[in-house]
Structures are given as structure tokens and as C-alpha cells.
Amino acid sequence: MKKLITLILYPLLFSPILHANENFSVEIEALTLVMEKYKKDSESNIELDLDNIKPSYLALKQDECNATVKVTETTGLEIVNTESFDVNVCKKEIYKIIN
């Protein structure tokens, strides 16, 4: 009886985990593209980083090819800088949103 319950519950419990990558593939790809670009841009700016600025990323899916990525730089509790990007994952293009 325990084996039967296990066989029934196992696919129900682990099926959403297996499909998570498919559901969030646009966001994951957009984040990867922006992180690579953001890392290259930050390496080209040779400055002393005394405040230990740490970026955090947020991706919001618009459709099957497009997402918006927001990059927020913080030093502890203080928000230093916020940038937004429109990312086309299909064409692998990144456009900075100017506020």
C-alpha cells in the first residue's frame, strides 16, 4: 500500500520542479545576458570600490521573447543606483531604459 501511495504522489510532487526551468526560461536567459553585460561594464570602470556595492537583479517576463530586468546597486540598506533594461532573448539584444 505504501508503494502504491508513493508511486502516485512522487510524480505529483516533483513534476512542477522539473518544469520550472521551462516556465522561467525567458527570465533566466534575460538575467544571464544582463549579468554578463553588467559585469563587463563594471570591469571597464576602474574605480576603488570602498563602499562594497552589491547589485541585485529582478526579471519580469513580458512575452515569449521579451523581459524587463532591473538592476539595483546597494550598500547595506542604502540604494545607490537603479537601472532598467528591456531584453529581447530571441535576438539577444539589451536596451537600457532611460528614466
PDB file of N, CA and C in Angstrom:
ATOM      1  N   MET A   1       0.824  -1.186   0.000  1.00  0.00           N
ATOM      2  CA  MET A   1       0.000   0.000   0.000  1.00  0.00           C
ATOM      3  C   MET A   1       0.873   1.257   0.000  1.00  0.00           C
ATOM      4  N   LYS A   2       1.962   1.234   0.783  1.00  0.00           N
ATOM      5  CA  LYS A   2       2.856   2.394   0.828  1.00  0.00           C
ATOM      6  C   LYS A   2       3.520   2.638  -0.524  1.00  0.00           C
ATOM      7  N   LYS A   3       3.856   1.558  -1.219  1.00  0.00           N
ATOM      8  CA  LYS A   3       4.471   1.700  -2.533  1.00  0.00           C
ATOM      9  C   LYS A   3       3.499   2.322  -3.523  1.00  0.00           C
ATOM     10  N   LEU A   4       2.241   1.950  -3.434  1.00  0.00           N
ATOM     11  CA  LEU A   4       1.216   2.499  -4.325  1.00  0.00           C
ATOM     12  C   LEU A   4       1.037   3.991  -4.083  1.00  0.00           C
ATOM     13  N   ILE A   5       0.996   4.393  -2.829  1.00  0.00           N
ATOM     14  CA  ILE A   5       0.857   5.815  -2.492  1.00  0.00           C
ATOM     15  C   ILE A   5       2.092   6.588  -2.961  1.00  0.00           C
ATOM     16  N   THR A   6       3.263   5.994  -2.773  1.00  0.00           N
ATOM     17  CA  THR A   6       4.498   6.634  -3.212  1.00  0.00           C
ATOM     18  C   THR A   6       4.508   6.802  -4.728  1.00  0.00           C
ATOM     19  N   LEU A   7       4.075   5.787  -5.455  1.00  0.00           N
ATOM     20  CA  LEU A   7       4.050   5.869  -6.912  1.00  0.00           C
ATOM     21  C   LEU A   7       3.066   6.934  -7.402  1.00  0.00           C
ATOM     22  N   ILE A   8       2.003   7.148  -6.673  1.00  0.00           N
ATOM     23  CA  ILE A   8       1.016   8.162  -7.056  1.00  0.00           C
ATOM     24  C   ILE A   8       1.503   9.563  -6.697  1.00  0.00           C
ATOM     25  N   LEU A   9       2.074   9.728  -5.524  1.00  0.00           N
ATOM     26  CA  LEU A   9       2.484  11.050  -5.055  1.00  0.00           C
ATOM     27  C   LEU A   9       3.794  11.536  -5.660  1.00  0.00           C
ATOM     28  N   TYR A  10       4.703  10.646  -5.994  1.00  0.00           N
ATOM     29  CA  TYR A  10       6.012  11.043  -6.499  1.00  0.00           C
ATOM     30  C   TYR A  10       5.925  11.945  -7.740  1.00  0.00           C
ATOM     31  N   PRO A  11       5.180  11.562  -8.771  1.00  0.00           N
ATOM     32  CA  PRO A  11       5.092  12.454  -9.943  1.00  0.00           C
ATOM     33  C   PRO A  11       4.388  13.777  -9.630  1.00  0.00           C
ATOM     34  N   LEU A  12       3.440  13.754  -8.733  1.00  0.00           N
ATOM     35  CA  LEU A  12       2.729  14.981  -8.396  1.00  0.00           C
ATOM     36  C   LEU A  12       3.607  15.967  -7.643  1.00  0.00           C
ATOM     37  N   LEU A  13       4.501  15.466  -6.814  1.00  0.00           N
ATOM     38  CA  LEU A  13       5.365  16.336  -6.027  1.00  0.00           C
ATOM     39  C   LEU A  13       6.528  16.901  -6.839  1.00  0.00           C
ATOM     40  N   PHE A  14       7.128  16.119  -7.720  1.00  0.00           N
ATOM     41  CA  PHE A  14       8.343  16.529  -8.406  1.00  0.00           C
ATOM     42  C   PHE A  14       8.107  17.029  -9.829  1.00  0.00           C
ATOM     43  N   SER A  15       6.928  16.887 -10.358  1.00  0.00           N
ATOM     44  CA  SER A  15       6.638  17.376 -11.702  1.00  0.00           C
ATOM     45  C   SER A  15       6.768  18.889 -11.820  1.00  0.00           C
ATOM     46  N   PRO A  16       6.265  19.699 -10.868  1.00  0.00           N
ATOM     47  CA  PRO A  16       6.446  21.155 -11.000  1.00  0.00           C
ATOM     48  C   PRO A  16       7.902  21.583 -10.954  1.00  0.00           C
ATOM     49  N   ILE A  17       8.730  20.883 -10.220  1.00  0.00           N
ATOM     50  CA  ILE A  17      10.149  21.224 -10.122  1.00  0.00           C
ATOM     51  C   ILE A  17      10.837  20.981 -11.467  1.00  0.00           C
ATOM     52  N   LEU A  18      10.464  19.918 -12.153  1.00  0.00           N
ATOM     53  CA  LEU A  18      11.088  19.590 -13.428  1.00  0.00           C
ATOM     54  C   LEU A  18      10.713  20.580 -14.511  1.00  0.00           C
ATOM     55  N   HIS A  19       9.541  21.190 -14.417  1.00  0.00           N
ATOM     56  CA  HIS A  19       9.076  22.137 -15.431  1.00  0.00           C
ATOM     57  C   HIS A  19       9.375  23.587 -15.072  1.00  0.00           C
ATOM     58  N   ALA A  20      10.000  23.847 -13.959  1.00  0.00           N
ATOM     59  CA  ALA A  20      10.283  25.218 -13.531  1.00  0.00           C
ATOM     60  C   ALA A  20      11.222  25.919 -14.498  1.00  0.00           C
ATOM     61  N   ASN A  21      12.226  25.221 -14.994  1.00  0.00           N
ATOM     62  CA  ASN A  21      13.167  25.832 -15.917  1.00  0.00           C
ATOM     63  C   ASN A  21      12.466  26.254 -17.202  1.00  0.00           C
ATOM     64  N   GLU A  22      11.507  25.465 -17.691  1.00  0.00           N
ATOM     65  CA  GLU A  22      10.750  25.811 -18.890  1.00  0.00           C
ATOM     66  C   GLU A  22       9.867  27.031 -18.643  1.00  0.00           C
ATOM     67  N   ASN A  23       9.273  27.126 -17.475  1.00  0.00           N
ATOM     68  CA  ASN A  23       8.379  28.234 -17.158  1.00  0.00           C
ATOM     69  C   ASN A  23       9.132  29.551 -17.027  1.00  0.00           C
ATOM     70  N   PHE A  24      10.350  29.523 -16.551  1.00  0.00           N
ATOM     71  CA  PHE A  24      11.116  30.732 -16.295  1.00  0.00           C
ATOM     72  C   PHE A  24      12.303  30.880 -17.244  1.00  0.00           C
ATOM     73  N   SER A  25      12.272  30.237 -18.391  1.00  0.00           N
ATOM     74  CA  SER A  25      13.425  30.261 -19.292  1.00  0.00           C
ATOM     75  C   SER A  25      13.704  31.663 -19.829  1.00  0.00           C
ATOM     76  N   VAL A  26      12.669  32.451 -20.109  1.00  0.00           N
ATOM     77  CA  VAL A  26      12.868  33.812 -20.619  1.00  0.00           C
ATOM     78  C   VAL A  26      13.539  34.674 -19.557  1.00  0.00           C
ATOM     79  N   GLU A  27      13.062  34.582 -18.315  1.00  0.00           N
ATOM     80  CA  GLU A  27      13.645  35.366 -17.232  1.00  0.00           C
ATOM     81  C   GLU A  27      15.093  34.955 -16.966  1.00  0.00           C
ATOM     82  N   ILE A  28      15.365  33.659 -16.975  1.00  0.00           N
ATOM     83  CA  ILE A  28      16.712  33.165 -16.711  1.00  0.00           C
ATOM     84  C   ILE A  28      17.673  33.648 -17.796  1.00  0.00           C
ATOM     85  N   GLU A  29      17.263  33.534 -19.054  1.00  0.00           N
ATOM     86  CA  GLU A  29      18.121  33.973 -20.154  1.00  0.00           C
ATOM     87  C   GLU A  29      18.334  35.482 -20.121  1.00  0.00           C
ATOM     88  N   ALA A  30      17.283  36.257 -19.803  1.00  0.00           N
ATOM     89  CA  ALA A  30      17.414  37.715 -19.707  1.00  0.00           C
ATOM     90  C   ALA A  30      18.370  38.103 -18.584  1.00  0.00           C
ATOM     91  N   LEU A  31      18.239  37.459 -17.446  1.00  0.00           N
ATOM     92  CA  LEU A  31      19.150  37.738 -16.331  1.00  0.00           C
ATOM     93  C   LEU A  31      20.592  37.409 -16.692  1.00  0.00           C
ATOM     94  N   THR A  32      20.802  36.295 -17.365  1.00  0.00           N
ATOM     95  CA  THR A  32      22.149  35.896 -17.763  1.00  0.00           C
ATOM     96  C   THR A  32      22.771  36.925 -18.701  1.00  0.00           C
ATOM     97  N   LEU A  33      22.000  37.387 -19.701  1.00  0.00           N
ATOM     98  CA  LEU A  33      22.513  38.375 -20.641  1.00  0.00           C
ATOM     99  C   LEU A  33      22.872  39.685 -19.944  1.00  0.00           C
ATOM    100  N   VAL A  34      21.992  40.153 -19.063  1.00  0.00           N
ATOM    101  CA  VAL A  34      22.245  41.421 -18.374  1.00  0.00           C
ATOM    102  C   VAL A  34      23.424  41.273 -17.406  1.00  0.00           C
ATOM    103  N   MET A  35      23.507  40.169 -16.692  1.00  0.00           N
ATOM    104  CA  MET A  35      24.623  39.972 -15.759  1.00  0.00           C
ATOM    105  C   MET A  35      25.963  39.969 -16.494  1.00  0.00           C
ATOM    106  N   GLU A  36      26.017  39.316 -17.661  1.00  0.00           N
ATOM    107  CA  GLU A  36      27.254  39.307 -18.432  1.00  0.00           C
ATOM    108  C   GLU A  36      27.620  40.718 -18.887  1.00  0.00           C
ATOM    109  N   LYS A  37      26.636  41.467 -19.386  1.00  0.00           N
ATOM    110  CA  LYS A  37      26.892  42.839 -19.829  1.00  0.00           C
ATOM    111  C   LYS A  37      27.263  43.724 -18.645  1.00  0.00           C
ATOM    112  N   TYR A  38      26.549  43.575 -17.543  1.00  0.00           N
ATOM    113  CA  TYR A  38      26.790  44.400 -16.362  1.00  0.00           C
ATOM    114  C   TYR A  38      28.182  44.132 -15.795  1.00  0.00           C
ATOM    115  N   LYS A  39      28.621  42.880 -15.833  1.00  0.00           N
ATOM    116  CA  LYS A  39      29.949  42.523 -15.331  1.00  0.00           C
ATOM    117  C   LYS A  39      31.031  43.145 -16.212  1.00  0.00           C
ATOM    118  N   LYS A  40      30.853  43.101 -17.533  1.00  0.00           N
ATOM    119  CA  LYS A  40      31.819  43.698 -18.454  1.00  0.00           C
ATOM    120  C   LYS A  40      31.902  45.208 -18.242  1.00  0.00           C
ATOM    121  N   ASP A  41      30.735  45.866 -18.069  1.00  0.00           N
ATOM    122  CA  ASP A  41      30.717  47.313 -17.869  1.00  0.00           C
ATOM    123  C   ASP A  41      31.374  47.704 -16.550  1.00  0.00           C
ATOM    124  N   SER A  42      31.143  46.926 -15.508  1.00  0.00           N
ATOM    125  CA  SER A  42      31.717  47.268 -14.207  1.00  0.00           C
ATOM    126  C   SER A  42      33.227  47.009 -14.185  1.00  0.00           C
ATOM    127  N   GLU A  43      33.710  46.043 -14.971  1.00  0.00           N
ATOM    128  CA  GLU A  43      35.143  45.788 -15.041  1.00  0.00           C
ATOM    129  C   GLU A  43      35.856  46.892 -15.817  1.00  0.00           C
ATOM    130  N   SER A  44      35.159  47.518 -16.773  1.00  0.00           N
ATOM    131  CA  SER A  44      35.783  48.577 -17.557  1.00  0.00           C
ATOM    132  C   SER A  44      35.915  49.867 -16.758  1.00  0.00           C
ATOM    133  N   ASN A  45      35.082  50.060 -15.739  1.00  0.00           N
ATOM    134  CA  ASN A  45      35.198  51.220 -14.862  1.00  0.00           C
ATOM    135  C   ASN A  45      36.195  50.900 -13.756  1.00  0.00           C
ATOM    136  N   ILE A  46      37.383  51.429 -13.870  1.00  0.00           N
ATOM    137  CA  ILE A  46      38.416  51.139 -12.874  1.00  0.00           C
ATOM    138  C   ILE A  46      38.310  52.193 -11.777  1.00  0.00           C
ATOM    139  N   GLU A  47      37.650  51.836 -10.706  1.00  0.00           N
ATOM    140  CA  GLU A  47      37.476  52.724  -9.554  1.00  0.00           C
ATOM    141  C   GLU A  47      37.740  51.931  -8.289  1.00  0.00           C
ATOM    142  N   LEU A  48      38.090  52.633  -7.232  1.00  0.00           N
ATOM    143  CA  LEU A  48      38.234  51.965  -5.945  1.00  0.00           C
ATOM    144  C   LEU A  48      36.854  51.743  -5.357  1.00  0.00           C
ATOM    145  N   ASP A  49      36.528  50.513  -5.064  1.00  0.00           N
ATOM    146  CA  ASP A  49      35.215  50.175  -4.542  1.00  0.00           C
ATOM    147  C   ASP A  49      35.301  50.115  -3.023  1.00  0.00           C
ATOM    148  N   LEU A  50      35.184  51.259  -2.392  1.00  0.00           N
ATOM    149  CA  LEU A  50      35.314  51.317  -0.939  1.00  0.00           C
ATOM    150  C   LEU A  50      34.019  50.997  -0.213  1.00  0.00           C
ATOM    151  N   ASP A  51      32.893  51.194  -0.891  1.00  0.00           N
ATOM    152  CA  ASP A  51      31.597  51.014  -0.240  1.00  0.00           C
ATOM    153  C   ASP A  51      31.038  49.598  -0.377  1.00  0.00           C
ATOM    154  N   ASN A  52      31.720  48.721  -1.104  1.00  0.00           N
ATOM    155  CA  ASN A  52      31.274  47.346  -1.279  1.00  0.00           C
ATOM    156  C   ASN A  52      29.869  47.302  -1.875  1.00  0.00           C
ATOM    157  N   ILE A  53      29.712  47.874  -3.057  1.00  0.00           N
ATOM    158  CA  ILE A  53      28.422  47.935  -3.748  1.00  0.00           C
ATOM    159  C   ILE A  53      28.077  46.553  -4.292  1.00  0.00           C
ATOM    160  N   LYS A  54      26.843  46.109  -4.027  1.00  0.00           N
ATOM    161  CA  LYS A  54      26.394  44.796  -4.462  1.00  0.00           C
ATOM    162  C   LYS A  54      25.134  44.960  -5.320  1.00  0.00           C
ATOM    163  N   PRO A  55      25.139  44.426  -6.555  1.00  0.00           N
ATOM    164  CA  PRO A  55      23.944  44.521  -7.391  1.00  0.00           C
ATOM    165  C   PRO A  55      22.953  43.399  -7.073  1.00  0.00           C
ATOM    166  N   SER A  56      21.667  43.709  -7.204  1.00  0.00           N
ATOM    167  CA  SER A  56      20.628  42.684  -7.134  1.00  0.00           C
ATOM    168  C   SER A  56      19.791  42.805  -8.394  1.00  0.00           C
ATOM    169  N   TYR A  57      19.286  41.685  -8.878  1.00  0.00           N
ATOM    170  CA  TYR A  57      18.620  41.619 -10.171  1.00  0.00           C
ATOM    171  C   TYR A  57      17.175  41.144 -10.003  1.00  0.00           C
ATOM    172  N   LEU A  58      16.274  41.695 -10.840  1.00  0.00           N
ATOM    173  CA  LEU A  58      14.873  41.284 -10.865  1.00  0.00           C
ATOM    174  C   LEU A  58      14.445  41.224 -12.317  1.00  0.00           C
ATOM    175  N   ALA A  59      13.895  40.092 -12.761  1.00  0.00           N
ATOM    176  CA  ALA A  59      13.439  39.935 -14.136  1.00  0.00           C
ATOM    177  C   ALA A  59      11.927  39.738 -14.162  1.00  0.00           C
ATOM    178  N   LEU A  60      11.272  40.438 -15.084  1.00  0.00           N
ATOM    179  CA  LEU A  60       9.830  40.325 -15.268  1.00  0.00           C
ATOM    180  C   LEU A  60       9.555  39.977 -16.728  1.00  0.00           C
ATOM    181  N   LYS A  61       8.900  38.849 -16.958  1.00  0.00           N
ATOM    182  CA  LYS A  61       8.620  38.377 -18.314  1.00  0.00           C
ATOM    183  C   LYS A  61       7.502  39.199 -18.931  1.00  0.00           C
ATOM    184  N   GLN A  62       7.691  39.629 -20.200  1.00  0.00           N
ATOM    185  CA  GLN A  62       6.654  40.347 -20.931  1.00  0.00           C
ATOM    186  C   GLN A  62       5.941  39.416 -21.912  1.00  0.00           C
ATOM    187  N   ASP A  63       6.705  38.657 -22.680  1.00  0.00           N
ATOM    188  CA  ASP A  63       6.161  37.649 -23.584  1.00  0.00           C
ATOM    189  C   ASP A  63       7.209  36.568 -23.799  1.00  0.00           C
ATOM    190  N   GLU A  64       7.074  35.778 -24.848  1.00  0.00           N
ATOM    191  CA  GLU A  64       7.969  34.644 -25.055  1.00  0.00           C
ATOM    192  C   GLU A  64       9.404  35.046 -25.402  1.00  0.00           C
ATOM    193  N   CYS A  65       9.605  36.295 -25.847  1.00  0.00           N
ATOM    194  CA  CYS A  65      10.954  36.732 -26.228  1.00  0.00           C
ATOM    195  C   CYS A  65      11.459  37.907 -25.407  1.00  0.00           C
ATOM    196  N   ASN A  66      10.593  38.627 -24.723  1.00  0.00           N
ATOM    197  CA  ASN A  66      10.980  39.873 -24.071  1.00  0.00           C
ATOM    198  C   ASN A  66      10.801  39.814 -22.561  1.00  0.00           C
ATOM    199  N   ALA A  67      11.722  40.508 -21.876  1.00  0.00           N
ATOM    200  CA  ALA A  67      11.652  40.629 -20.423  1.00  0.00           C
ATOM    201  C   ALA A  67      12.247  41.971 -20.025  1.00  0.00           C
ATOM    202  N   THR A  68      11.861  42.444 -18.848  1.00  0.00           N
ATOM    203  CA  THR A  68      12.445  43.642 -18.266  1.00  0.00           C
ATOM    204  C   THR A  68      13.285  43.214 -17.079  1.00  0.00           C
ATOM    205  N   VAL A  69      14.524  43.717 -17.027  1.00  0.00           N
ATOM    206  CA  VAL A  69      15.432  43.390 -15.930  1.00  0.00           C
ATOM    207  C   VAL A  69      15.783  44.681 -15.209  1.00  0.00           C
ATOM    208  N   LYS A  70      15.632  44.686 -13.880  1.00  0.00           N
ATOM    209  CA  LYS A  70      16.008  45.832 -13.067  1.00  0.00           C
ATOM    210  C   LYS A  70      17.226  45.450 -12.229  1.00  0.00           C
ATOM    211  N   VAL A  71      18.240  46.310 -12.276  1.00  0.00           N
ATOM    212  CA  VAL A  71      19.470  46.101 -11.511  1.00  0.00           C
ATOM    213  C   VAL A  71      19.530  47.197 -10.464  1.00  0.00           C
ATOM    214  N   THR A  72      19.581  46.809  -9.204  1.00  0.00           N
ATOM    215  CA  THR A  72      19.650  47.758  -8.101  1.00  0.00           C
ATOM    216  C   THR A  72      20.958  47.538  -7.362  1.00  0.00           C
ATOM    217  N   GLU A  73      21.751  48.609  -7.261  1.00  0.00           N
ATOM    218  CA  GLU A  73      23.007  48.545  -6.515  1.00  0.00           C
ATOM    219  C   GLU A  73      22.758  49.060  -5.110  1.00  0.00           C
ATOM    220  N   THR A  74      23.198  48.298  -4.119  1.00  0.00           N
ATOM    221  CA  THR A  74      23.005  48.691  -2.728  1.00  0.00           C
ATOM    222  C   THR A  74      24.311  48.591  -1.960  1.00  0.00           C
ATOM    223  N   THR A  75      24.390  49.405  -0.930  1.00  0.00           N
ATOM    224  CA  THR A  75      25.472  49.288   0.054  1.00  0.00           C
ATOM    225  C   THR A  75      24.779  49.130   1.397  1.00  0.00           C
ATOM    226  N   GLY A  76      24.612  47.922   1.809  1.00  0.00           N
ATOM    227  CA  GLY A  76      23.866  47.672   3.044  1.00  0.00           C
ATOM    228  C   GLY A  76      22.391  47.966   2.810  1.00  0.00           C
ATOM    229  N   LEU A  77      21.857  48.981   3.482  1.00  0.00           N
ATOM    230  CA  LEU A  77      20.452  49.341   3.341  1.00  0.00           C
ATOM    231  C   LEU A  77      20.226  50.494   2.371  1.00  0.00           C
ATOM    232  N   GLU A  78      21.290  51.124   1.930  1.00  0.00           N
ATOM    233  CA  GLU A  78      21.183  52.298   1.053  1.00  0.00           C
ATOM    234  C   GLU A  78      21.186  51.872  -0.418  1.00  0.00           C
ATOM    235  N   ILE A  79      20.188  52.353  -1.184  1.00  0.00           N
ATOM    236  CA  ILE A  79      20.138  52.105  -2.619  1.00  0.00           C
ATOM    237  C   ILE A  79      20.958  53.181  -3.314  1.00  0.00           C
ATOM    238  N   VAL A  80      21.989  52.749  -4.026  1.00  0.00           N
ATOM    239  CA  VAL A  80      22.911  53.675  -4.673  1.00  0.00           C
ATOM    240  C   VAL A  80      22.461  53.991  -6.090  1.00  0.00           C
ATOM    241  N   ASN A  81      22.055  52.967  -6.850  1.00  0.00           N
ATOM    242  CA  ASN A  81      21.737  53.148  -8.257  1.00  0.00           C
ATOM    243  C   ASN A  81      20.723  52.104  -8.686  1.00  0.00           C
ATOM    244  N   THR A  82      19.811  52.490  -9.585  1.00  0.00           N
ATOM    245  CA  THR A  82      18.854  51.554 -10.166  1.00  0.00           C
ATOM    246  C   THR A  82      18.835  51.754 -11.670  1.00  0.00           C
ATOM    247  N   GLU A  83      18.992  50.668 -12.414  1.00  0.00           N
ATOM    248  CA  GLU A  83      18.945  50.707 -13.869  1.00  0.00           C
ATOM    249  C   GLU A  83      17.955  49.658 -14.355  1.00  0.00           C
ATOM    250  N   SER A  84      17.271  49.971 -15.460  1.00  0.00           N
ATOM    251  CA  SER A  84      16.322  49.030 -16.051  1.00  0.00           C
ATOM    252  C   SER A  84      16.726  48.740 -17.487  1.00  0.00           C
ATOM    253  N   PHE A  85      16.492  47.505 -17.907  1.00  0.00           N
ATOM    254  CA  PHE A  85      16.837  47.076 -19.250  1.00  0.00           C
ATOM    255  C   PHE A  85      15.670  46.310 -19.853  1.00  0.00           C
ATOM    256  N   ASP A  86      15.394  46.568 -21.133  1.00  0.00           N
ATOM    257  CA  ASP A  86      14.495  45.720 -21.908  1.00  0.00           C
ATOM    258  C   ASP A  86      15.375  44.731 -22.644  1.00  0.00           C
ATOM    259  N   VAL A  87      15.066  43.453 -22.506  1.00  0.00           N
ATOM    260  CA  VAL A  87      15.901  42.411 -23.091  1.00  0.00           C
ATOM    261  C   VAL A  87      15.062  41.584 -24.053  1.00  0.00           C
ATOM    262  N   ASN A  88      15.566  41.434 -25.284  1.00  0.00           N
ATOM    263  CA  ASN A  88      14.957  40.547 -26.258  1.00  0.00           C
ATOM    264  C   ASN A  88      15.809  39.290 -26.291  1.00  0.00           C
ATOM    265  N   VAL A  89      15.303  38.227 -25.717  1.00  0.00           N
ATOM    266  CA  VAL A  89      16.051  36.979 -25.575  1.00  0.00           C
ATOM    267  C   VAL A  89      16.231  36.299 -26.924  1.00  0.00           C
ATOM    268  N   CYS A  90      15.242  36.384 -27.792  1.00  0.00           N
ATOM    269  CA  CYS A  90      15.323  35.716 -29.093  1.00  0.00           C
ATOM    270  C   CYS A  90      16.438  36.311 -29.956  1.00  0.00           C
ATOM    271  N   LYS A  91      16.579  37.640 -29.921  1.00  0.00           N
ATOM    272  CA  LYS A  91      17.621  38.312 -30.700  1.00  0.00           C
ATOM    273  C   LYS A  91      18.886  38.572 -29.889  1.00  0.00           C
ATOM    274  N   LYS A  92      18.827  38.276 -28.589  1.00  0.00           N
ATOM    275  CA  LYS A  92      19.934  38.506 -27.656  1.00  0.00           C
ATOM    276  C   LYS A  92      20.362  39.979 -27.662  1.00  0.00           C
ATOM    277  N   GLU A  93      19.366  40.865 -27.570  1.00  0.00           N
ATOM    278  CA  GLU A  93      19.598  42.309 -27.550  1.00  0.00           C
ATOM    279  C   GLU A  93      19.190  42.883 -26.208  1.00  0.00           C
ATOM    280  N   ILE A  94      19.965  43.870 -25.744  1.00  0.00           N
ATOM    281  CA  ILE A  94      19.690  44.538 -24.471  1.00  0.00           C
ATOM    282  C   ILE A  94      19.562  46.026 -24.733  1.00  0.00           C
ATOM    283  N   TYR A  95      18.444  46.606 -24.279  1.00  0.00           N
ATOM    284  CA  TYR A  95      18.217  48.045 -24.423  1.00  0.00           C
ATOM    285  C   TYR A  95      18.052  48.646 -23.033  1.00  0.00           C
ATOM    286  N   LYS A  96      18.838  49.674 -22.754  1.00  0.00           N
ATOM    287  CA  LYS A  96      18.752  50.344 -21.452  1.00  0.00           C
ATOM    288  C   LYS A  96      17.567  51.296 -21.469  1.00  0.00           C
ATOM    289  N   ILE A  97      16.768  51.276 -20.405  1.00  0.00           N
ATOM    290  CA  ILE A  97      15.641  52.174 -20.269  1.00  0.00           C
ATOM    291  C   ILE A  97      16.131  53.426 -19.556  1.00  0.00           C
ATOM    292  N   ILE A  98      15.945  54.570 -20.201  1.00  0.00           N
ATOM    293  CA  ILE A  98      16.373  55.834 -19.617  1.00  0.00           C
ATOM    294  C   ILE A  98      15.168  56.474 -18.948  1.00  0.00           C
ATOM    295  N   ASN A  99      15.281  56.731 -17.657  1.00  0.00           N
ATOM    296  CA  ASN A  99      14.180  57.334 -16.903  1.00  0.00           C
ATOM    297  C   ASN A  99      14.308  58.826 -16.883  1.00  0.00           C
TER     298      ASN A  99
END
